[in-house]
Amino acid sequence: MVQRQFPKPAEVFELMQFKKPEFNGRKRRLDKALTIYDLRKIAQRRTPRAAFDYTDGAAESELSLDRARRAFEDVEFHPQVLRDVAKVDTSTTVFGGPSALPFGIAPTGFTRLMQTEGETAGASAAAAAGIPFCLSTLGTTSIEGVKAANPNGRNWFQLYVMKQREISYELVKRAAASDFDTLFFTVDTPVAGARLRDKRNGFSIPPQITLGTIANASVR
């Protein structure tokens, strides 16, 4: 006959691990973010709307953005079974050089709008992960600054070809001098897209700041 028996408190405590409180708010939030979507929610909650919408948004009705997301969501991995997984190697070769993972960090403009460290943080994270980092022409950190943040890793540079060709040539020379090993040309943006979110937020050059913009930013 089976007898019910309650465990002793000492036995229970042996099986339980109490998590120490984390007093660093930033680390506490990041520890709770288990996916990219979790990070997006944190950014949306803590970032001024104009800055968040610039980073999160796209042109016009954002159909291309939605289609791109769906395309990634539709990608399926086909697992191989009965394989030795004692040692898993995710490294590969990308554009003639090594990468610990089959992707890198893509170029984004005005990165420090979202986070004060901007590209410095991105390049440092890429260095820690062993993946490439790509700096945008519209980046908020210099080519040399990215090199300093990721001195031994792979750095790439994204180039908008400008009407004043000497500006573009000078950027390429600086990237080469800083050992950037790959150059990306953006060729599908002869004019800037109609970014409706930015227009509604007054995010333009020069900025059209409203009382609503100030109120939204002040609490963040």
C-alpha atoms as a PDB file:
ATOM      1  CA  MET A   1       0.000   0.000   0.000  1.00  0.00           C
ATOM      2  CA  VAL A   2       1.348   3.399  -0.963  1.00  0.00           C
ATOM      3  CA  GLN A   3       1.709   5.827   1.903  1.00  0.00           C
ATOM      4  CA  ARG A   4       1.685   9.558   1.410  1.00  0.00           C
ATOM      5  CA  GLN A   5       4.578  11.290   3.004  1.00  0.00           C
ATOM      6  CA  PHE A   6       5.242  15.004   3.186  1.00  0.00           C
ATOM      7  CA  PRO A   7       8.831  16.051   2.545  1.00  0.00           C
ATOM      8  CA  LYS A   8      10.779  17.615   5.325  1.00  0.00           C
ATOM      9  CA  PRO A   9      11.626  21.338   4.970  1.00  0.00           C
ATOM     10  CA  ALA A  10      15.331  20.542   4.778  1.00  0.00           C
ATOM     11  CA  GLU A  11      14.698  18.189   1.860  1.00  0.00           C
ATOM     12  CA  VAL A  12      12.659  20.836   0.044  1.00  0.00           C
ATOM     13  CA  PHE A  13      15.330  23.501   0.458  1.00  0.00           C
ATOM     14  CA  GLU A  14      17.912  21.170  -1.053  1.00  0.00           C
ATOM     15  CA  LEU A  15      15.878  21.103  -4.270  1.00  0.00           C
ATOM     16  CA  MET A  16      15.163  24.817  -4.409  1.00  0.00           C
ATOM     17  CA  GLN A  17      17.496  27.530  -5.567  1.00  0.00           C
ATOM     18  CA  PHE A  18      16.625  31.072  -4.585  1.00  0.00           C
ATOM     19  CA  LYS A  19      17.570  33.662  -7.154  1.00  0.00           C
ATOM     20  CA  LYS A  20      19.552  36.584  -5.838  1.00  0.00           C
ATOM     21  CA  PRO A  21      17.908  39.974  -6.423  1.00  0.00           C
ATOM     22  CA  GLU A  22      19.384  41.990  -9.294  1.00  0.00           C
ATOM     23  CA  PHE A  23      19.687  45.674  -8.421  1.00  0.00           C
ATOM     24  CA  ASN A  24      21.015  46.746 -11.820  1.00  0.00           C
ATOM     25  CA  GLY A  25      17.840  47.754 -13.635  1.00  0.00           C
ATOM     26  CA  ARG A  26      19.341  47.454 -17.089  1.00  0.00           C
ATOM     27  CA  LYS A  27      20.672  43.952 -16.476  1.00  0.00           C
ATOM     28  CA  ARG A  28      17.401  42.917 -14.853  1.00  0.00           C
ATOM     29  CA  ARG A  29      15.414  43.989 -17.917  1.00  0.00           C
ATOM     30  CA  LEU A  30      17.799  42.306 -20.331  1.00  0.00           C
ATOM     31  CA  ASP A  31      17.781  39.074 -18.334  1.00  0.00           C
ATOM     32  CA  LYS A  32      14.001  38.951 -18.723  1.00  0.00           C
ATOM     33  CA  ALA A  33      14.206  39.472 -22.492  1.00  0.00           C
ATOM     34  CA  LEU A  34      14.277  35.976 -23.945  1.00  0.00           C
ATOM     35  CA  THR A  35      13.612  36.924 -27.583  1.00  0.00           C
ATOM     36  CA  ILE A  36      14.123  39.789 -30.011  1.00  0.00           C
ATOM     37  CA  TYR A  37      10.428  40.573 -29.605  1.00  0.00           C
ATOM     38  CA  ASP A  38      10.954  40.975 -25.845  1.00  0.00           C
ATOM     39  CA  LEU A  39      13.740  43.467 -26.534  1.00  0.00           C
ATOM     40  CA  ARG A  40      11.441  45.343 -28.915  1.00  0.00           C
ATOM     41  CA  LYS A  41       8.800  45.672 -26.187  1.00  0.00           C
ATOM     42  CA  ILE A  42      11.389  47.056 -23.772  1.00  0.00           C
ATOM     43  CA  ALA A  43      12.585  49.556 -26.368  1.00  0.00           C
ATOM     44  CA  GLN A  44       9.041  50.649 -27.179  1.00  0.00           C
ATOM     45  CA  ARG A  45       8.306  51.223 -23.499  1.00  0.00           C
ATOM     46  CA  ARG A  46      11.497  53.108 -22.651  1.00  0.00           C
ATOM     47  CA  THR A  47      12.346  55.037 -25.820  1.00  0.00           C
ATOM     48  CA  PRO A  48      10.814  58.305 -27.078  1.00  0.00           C
ATOM     49  CA  ARG A  49       8.234  57.528 -29.756  1.00  0.00           C
ATOM     50  CA  ALA A  50      10.045  59.424 -32.532  1.00  0.00           C
ATOM     51  CA  ALA A  51      13.281  57.489 -31.961  1.00  0.00           C
ATOM     52  CA  PHE A  52      11.508  54.148 -31.644  1.00  0.00           C
ATOM     53  CA  ASP A  53       9.389  54.674 -34.763  1.00  0.00           C
ATOM     54  CA  TYR A  54      12.453  55.653 -36.797  1.00  0.00           C
ATOM     55  CA  THR A  55      14.184  52.405 -35.832  1.00  0.00           C
ATOM     56  CA  ASP A  56      11.127  50.167 -35.943  1.00  0.00           C
ATOM     57  CA  GLY A  57       9.354  51.663 -38.951  1.00  0.00           C
ATOM     58  CA  ALA A  58       9.658  51.659 -42.717  1.00  0.00           C
ATOM     59  CA  ALA A  59       8.335  53.570 -45.717  1.00  0.00           C
ATOM     60  CA  GLU A  60       4.697  54.284 -46.543  1.00  0.00           C
ATOM     61  CA  SER A  61       2.345  51.476 -45.386  1.00  0.00           C
ATOM     62  CA  GLU A  62       5.345  49.261 -44.462  1.00  0.00           C
ATOM     63  CA  LEU A  63       4.225  46.402 -46.708  1.00  0.00           C
ATOM     64  CA  SER A  64       7.806  45.448 -47.585  1.00  0.00           C
ATOM     65  CA  LEU A  65       8.713  45.319 -43.897  1.00  0.00           C
ATOM     66  CA  ASP A  66       5.777  43.027 -43.146  1.00  0.00           C
ATOM     67  CA  ARG A  67       6.623  40.768 -46.088  1.00  0.00           C
ATOM     68  CA  ALA A  68      10.267  40.542 -45.019  1.00  0.00           C
ATOM     69  CA  ARG A  69       9.254  39.521 -41.505  1.00  0.00           C
ATOM     70  CA  ARG A  70       6.860  36.899 -42.826  1.00  0.00           C
ATOM     71  CA  ALA A  71       9.580  35.562 -45.123  1.00  0.00           C
ATOM     72  CA  PHE A  72      11.881  35.003 -42.151  1.00  0.00           C
ATOM     73  CA  GLU A  73       9.061  33.459 -40.123  1.00  0.00           C
ATOM     74  CA  ASP A  74       8.374  31.022 -42.970  1.00  0.00           C
ATOM     75  CA  VAL A  75      11.948  29.701 -42.965  1.00  0.00           C
ATOM     76  CA  GLU A  76      12.024  26.142 -41.655  1.00  0.00           C
ATOM     77  CA  PHE A  77      14.976  24.235 -40.288  1.00  0.00           C
ATOM     78  CA  HIS A  78      15.220  20.609 -41.353  1.00  0.00           C
ATOM     79  CA  PRO A  79      16.891  18.771 -38.469  1.00  0.00           C
ATOM     80  CA  GLN A  80      19.107  15.776 -39.023  1.00  0.00           C
ATOM     81  CA  VAL A  81      18.551  13.017 -36.487  1.00  0.00           C
ATOM     82  CA  LEU A  82      20.860  10.413 -34.985  1.00  0.00           C
ATOM     83  CA  ARG A  83      23.849  12.720 -35.272  1.00  0.00           C
ATOM     84  CA  ASP A  84      26.695  13.290 -32.854  1.00  0.00           C
ATOM     85  CA  VAL A  85      25.978  16.666 -31.229  1.00  0.00           C
ATOM     86  CA  ALA A  86      28.716  16.503 -28.607  1.00  0.00           C
ATOM     87  CA  LYS A  87      30.569  19.195 -30.556  1.00  0.00           C
ATOM     88  CA  VAL A  88      28.428  21.608 -32.558  1.00  0.00           C
ATOM     89  CA  ASP A  89      30.139  24.060 -34.890  1.00  0.00           C
ATOM     90  CA  THR A  90      28.050  26.992 -36.164  1.00  0.00           C
ATOM     91  CA  SER A  91      30.965  28.823 -37.763  1.00  0.00           C
ATOM     92  CA  THR A  92      31.053  29.493 -41.476  1.00  0.00           C
ATOM     93  CA  THR A  93      32.636  31.687 -44.126  1.00  0.00           C
ATOM     94  CA  VAL A  94      30.851  34.918 -45.076  1.00  0.00           C
ATOM     95  CA  PHE A  95      32.209  37.117 -47.875  1.00  0.00           C
ATOM     96  CA  GLY A  96      35.575  35.430 -47.763  1.00  0.00           C
ATOM     97  CA  GLY A  97      36.101  35.633 -44.023  1.00  0.00           C
ATOM     98  CA  PRO A  98      35.226  33.666 -40.876  1.00  0.00           C
ATOM     99  CA  SER A  99      32.126  34.168 -38.761  1.00  0.00           C
ATOM    100  CA  ALA A 100      31.104  32.267 -35.632  1.00  0.00           C
ATOM    101  CA  LEU A 101      27.491  32.350 -36.868  1.00  0.00           C
ATOM    102  CA  PRO A 102      26.006  32.594 -40.378  1.00  0.00           C
ATOM    103  CA  PHE A 103      24.998  36.243 -39.949  1.00  0.00           C
ATOM    104  CA  GLY A 104      26.274  39.613 -38.766  1.00  0.00           C
ATOM    105  CA  ILE A 105      24.903  42.905 -37.445  1.00  0.00           C
ATOM    106  CA  ALA A 106      23.345  44.942 -40.251  1.00  0.00           C
ATOM    107  CA  PRO A 107      23.944  48.684 -40.756  1.00  0.00           C
ATOM    108  CA  THR A 108      21.525  51.142 -39.168  1.00  0.00           C
ATOM    109  CA  GLY A 109      21.560  54.932 -39.318  1.00  0.00           C
ATOM    110  CA  PHE A 110      21.357  57.295 -36.342  1.00  0.00           C
ATOM    111  CA  THR A 111      21.889  54.391 -33.948  1.00  0.00           C
ATOM    112  CA  ARG A 112      22.476  56.580 -30.912  1.00  0.00           C
ATOM    113  CA  LEU A 113      18.910  57.790 -31.127  1.00  0.00           C
ATOM    114  CA  MET A 114      17.950  54.453 -29.595  1.00  0.00           C
ATOM    115  CA  GLN A 115      20.896  53.825 -27.281  1.00  0.00           C
ATOM    116  CA  THR A 116      23.610  56.162 -26.098  1.00  0.00           C
ATOM    117  CA  GLU A 117      26.496  53.826 -26.930  1.00  0.00           C
ATOM    118  CA  GLY A 118      25.196  53.254 -30.446  1.00  0.00           C
ATOM    119  CA  GLU A 119      27.536  51.508 -32.836  1.00  0.00           C
ATOM    120  CA  THR A 120      30.191  51.149 -30.147  1.00  0.00           C
ATOM    121  CA  ALA A 121      27.890  48.773 -28.282  1.00  0.00           C
ATOM    122  CA  GLY A 122      26.984  46.942 -31.495  1.00  0.00           C
ATOM    123  CA  ALA A 123      30.600  46.510 -32.552  1.00  0.00           C
ATOM    124  CA  SER A 124      31.584  45.320 -29.076  1.00  0.00           C
ATOM    125  CA  ALA A 125      28.719  42.809 -29.073  1.00  0.00           C
ATOM    126  CA  ALA A 126      29.788  41.568 -32.505  1.00  0.00           C
ATOM    127  CA  ALA A 127      33.336  41.131 -31.245  1.00  0.00           C
ATOM    128  CA  ALA A 128      32.113  39.123 -28.251  1.00  0.00           C
ATOM    129  CA  ALA A 129      29.968  36.904 -30.488  1.00  0.00           C
ATOM    130  CA  GLY A 130      32.612  36.499 -33.188  1.00  0.00           C
ATOM    131  CA  ILE A 131      30.389  37.870 -35.962  1.00  0.00           C
ATOM    132  CA  PRO A 132      30.851  40.796 -38.382  1.00  0.00           C
ATOM    133  CA  PHE A 133      29.579  44.303 -37.687  1.00  0.00           C
ATOM    134  CA  CYS A 134      28.489  46.660 -40.467  1.00  0.00           C
ATOM    135  CA  LEU A 135      28.665  50.443 -40.040  1.00  0.00           C
ATOM    136  CA  SER A 136      26.211  52.639 -41.940  1.00  0.00           C
ATOM    137  CA  THR A 137      27.137  55.763 -43.882  1.00  0.00           C
ATOM    138  CA  LEU A 138      24.582  57.455 -41.608  1.00  0.00           C
ATOM    139  CA  GLY A 139      26.066  55.954 -38.470  1.00  0.00           C
ATOM    140  CA  THR A 140      26.600  58.009 -35.329  1.00  0.00           C
ATOM    141  CA  THR A 141      30.063  56.617 -34.577  1.00  0.00           C
ATOM    142  CA  SER A 142      33.122  57.225 -36.700  1.00  0.00           C
ATOM    143  CA  ILE A 143      34.824  54.527 -38.730  1.00  0.00           C
ATOM    144  CA  GLU A 144      37.793  54.793 -36.418  1.00  0.00           C
ATOM    145  CA  GLY A 145      35.526  54.520 -33.355  1.00  0.00           C
ATOM    146  CA  VAL A 146      34.071  51.245 -34.606  1.00  0.00           C
ATOM    147  CA  LYS A 147      37.567  49.947 -35.266  1.00  0.00           C
ATOM    148  CA  ALA A 148      38.526  50.787 -31.677  1.00  0.00           C
ATOM    149  CA  ALA A 149      35.447  48.961 -30.346  1.00  0.00           C
ATOM    150  CA  ASN A 150      36.081  45.888 -32.498  1.00  0.00           C
ATOM    151  CA  PRO A 151      39.839  45.936 -33.148  1.00  0.00           C
ATOM    152  CA  ASN A 152      40.329  42.246 -33.874  1.00  0.00           C
ATOM    153  CA  GLY A 153      36.972  41.368 -35.403  1.00  0.00           C
ATOM    154  CA  ARG A 154      35.505  41.804 -38.858  1.00  0.00           C
ATOM    155  CA  ASN A 155      34.112  45.239 -39.641  1.00  0.00           C
ATOM    156  CA  TRP A 156      32.100  46.070 -42.764  1.00  0.00           C
ATOM    157  CA  PHE A 157      31.028  49.410 -44.217  1.00  0.00           C
ATOM    158  CA  GLN A 158      27.772  50.304 -45.972  1.00  0.00           C
ATOM    159  CA  LEU A 159      28.041  53.104 -48.530  1.00  0.00           C
ATOM    160  CA  TYR A 160      25.504  55.471 -50.029  1.00  0.00           C
ATOM    161  CA  VAL A 161      27.056  56.816 -53.223  1.00  0.00           C
ATOM    162  CA  MET A 162      26.661  60.584 -53.012  1.00  0.00           C
ATOM    163  CA  LYS A 163      26.569  63.185 -55.750  1.00  0.00           C
ATOM    164  CA  GLN A 164      29.771  64.599 -54.335  1.00  0.00           C
ATOM    165  CA  ARG A 165      31.867  61.568 -55.153  1.00  0.00           C
ATOM    166  CA  GLU A 166      34.875  62.797 -53.193  1.00  0.00           C
ATOM    167  CA  ILE A 167      32.893  62.332 -49.965  1.00  0.00           C
ATOM    168  CA  SER A 168      32.160  58.702 -50.834  1.00  0.00           C
ATOM    169  CA  TYR A 169      35.759  58.086 -51.893  1.00  0.00           C
ATOM    170  CA  GLU A 170      37.058  59.525 -48.623  1.00  0.00           C
ATOM    171  CA  LEU A 171      34.766  57.268 -46.571  1.00  0.00           C
ATOM    172  CA  VAL A 172      35.976  54.210 -48.473  1.00  0.00           C
ATOM    173  CA  LYS A 173      39.608  55.213 -47.927  1.00  0.00           C
ATOM    174  CA  ARG A 174      39.051  55.625 -44.199  1.00  0.00           C
ATOM    175  CA  ALA A 175      37.301  52.258 -43.983  1.00  0.00           C
ATOM    176  CA  ALA A 176      40.164  50.568 -45.810  1.00  0.00           C
ATOM    177  CA  ALA A 177      42.716  52.284 -43.559  1.00  0.00           C
ATOM    178  CA  SER A 178      40.837  50.905 -40.538  1.00  0.00           C
ATOM    179  CA  ASP A 179      40.942  47.360 -41.964  1.00  0.00           C
ATOM    180  CA  PHE A 180      37.242  47.105 -42.829  1.00  0.00           C
ATOM    181  CA  ASP A 181      37.225  44.037 -45.070  1.00  0.00           C
ATOM    182  CA  THR A 182      33.873  44.266 -46.887  1.00  0.00           C
ATOM    183  CA  LEU A 183      32.077  47.151 -48.634  1.00  0.00           C
ATOM    184  CA  PHE A 184      28.301  47.182 -49.131  1.00  0.00           C
ATOM    185  CA  PHE A 185      26.777  49.414 -51.811  1.00  0.00           C
ATOM    186  CA  THR A 186      23.171  50.528 -51.354  1.00  0.00           C
ATOM    187  CA  VAL A 187      21.827  50.963 -54.884  1.00  0.00           C
ATOM    188  CA  ASP A 188      18.037  50.937 -54.435  1.00  0.00           C
ATOM    189  CA  THR A 189      17.599  54.280 -52.672  1.00  0.00           C
ATOM    190  CA  PRO A 190      17.962  57.090 -55.224  1.00  0.00           C
ATOM    191  CA  VAL A 191      15.589  59.131 -53.046  1.00  0.00           C
ATOM    192  CA  ALA A 192      14.539  58.761 -49.426  1.00  0.00           C
ATOM    193  CA  GLY A 193      11.387  56.759 -48.760  1.00  0.00           C
ATOM    194  CA  ALA A 194       8.159  58.333 -47.511  1.00  0.00           C
ATOM    195  CA  ARG A 195       8.472  57.325 -43.879  1.00  0.00           C
ATOM    196  CA  LEU A 196       5.034  58.238 -42.588  1.00  0.00           C
ATOM    197  CA  ARG A 197       5.735  57.501 -38.936  1.00  0.00           C
ATOM    198  CA  ASP A 198       8.635  59.950 -39.006  1.00  0.00           C
ATOM    199  CA  LYS A 199       6.515  62.622 -40.667  1.00  0.00           C
ATOM    200  CA  ARG A 200       3.806  62.263 -38.030  1.00  0.00           C
ATOM    201  CA  ASN A 201       6.405  62.543 -35.257  1.00  0.00           C
ATOM    202  CA  GLY A 202       8.014  65.623 -36.776  1.00  0.00           C
ATOM    203  CA  PHE A 203      11.214  63.661 -37.268  1.00  0.00           C
ATOM    204  CA  SER A 204      12.854  65.578 -40.096  1.00  0.00           C
ATOM    205  CA  ILE A 205      15.869  67.727 -40.916  1.00  0.00           C
ATOM    206  CA  PRO A 206      15.603  70.165 -39.242  1.00  0.00           C
ATOM    207  CA  PRO A 207      13.376  68.497 -36.601  1.00  0.00           C
ATOM    208  CA  GLN A 208       9.861  69.877 -36.229  1.00  0.00           C
ATOM    209  CA  ILE A 209       9.464  69.570 -32.486  1.00  0.00           C
ATOM    210  CA  THR A 210       5.989  69.805 -30.999  1.00  0.00           C
ATOM    211  CA  LEU A 211       4.750  69.908 -27.418  1.00  0.00           C
ATOM    212  CA  GLY A 212       3.604  66.307 -27.856  1.00  0.00           C
ATOM    213  CA  THR A 213       7.106  65.249 -28.911  1.00  0.00           C
ATOM    214  CA  ILE A 214       8.628  66.953 -25.870  1.00  0.00           C
ATOM    215  CA  ALA A 215       6.073  65.423 -23.511  1.00  0.00           C
ATOM    216  CA  ASN A 216       6.630  61.921 -24.903  1.00  0.00           C
ATOM    217  CA  ALA A 217      10.419  62.199 -24.692  1.00  0.00           C
ATOM    218  CA  SER A 218      10.556  63.784 -21.240  1.00  0.00           C
ATOM    219  CA  VAL A 219       9.206  60.699 -19.454  1.00  0.00           C
ATOM    220  CA  ARG A 220      11.703  58.428 -21.216  1.00  0.00           C
END
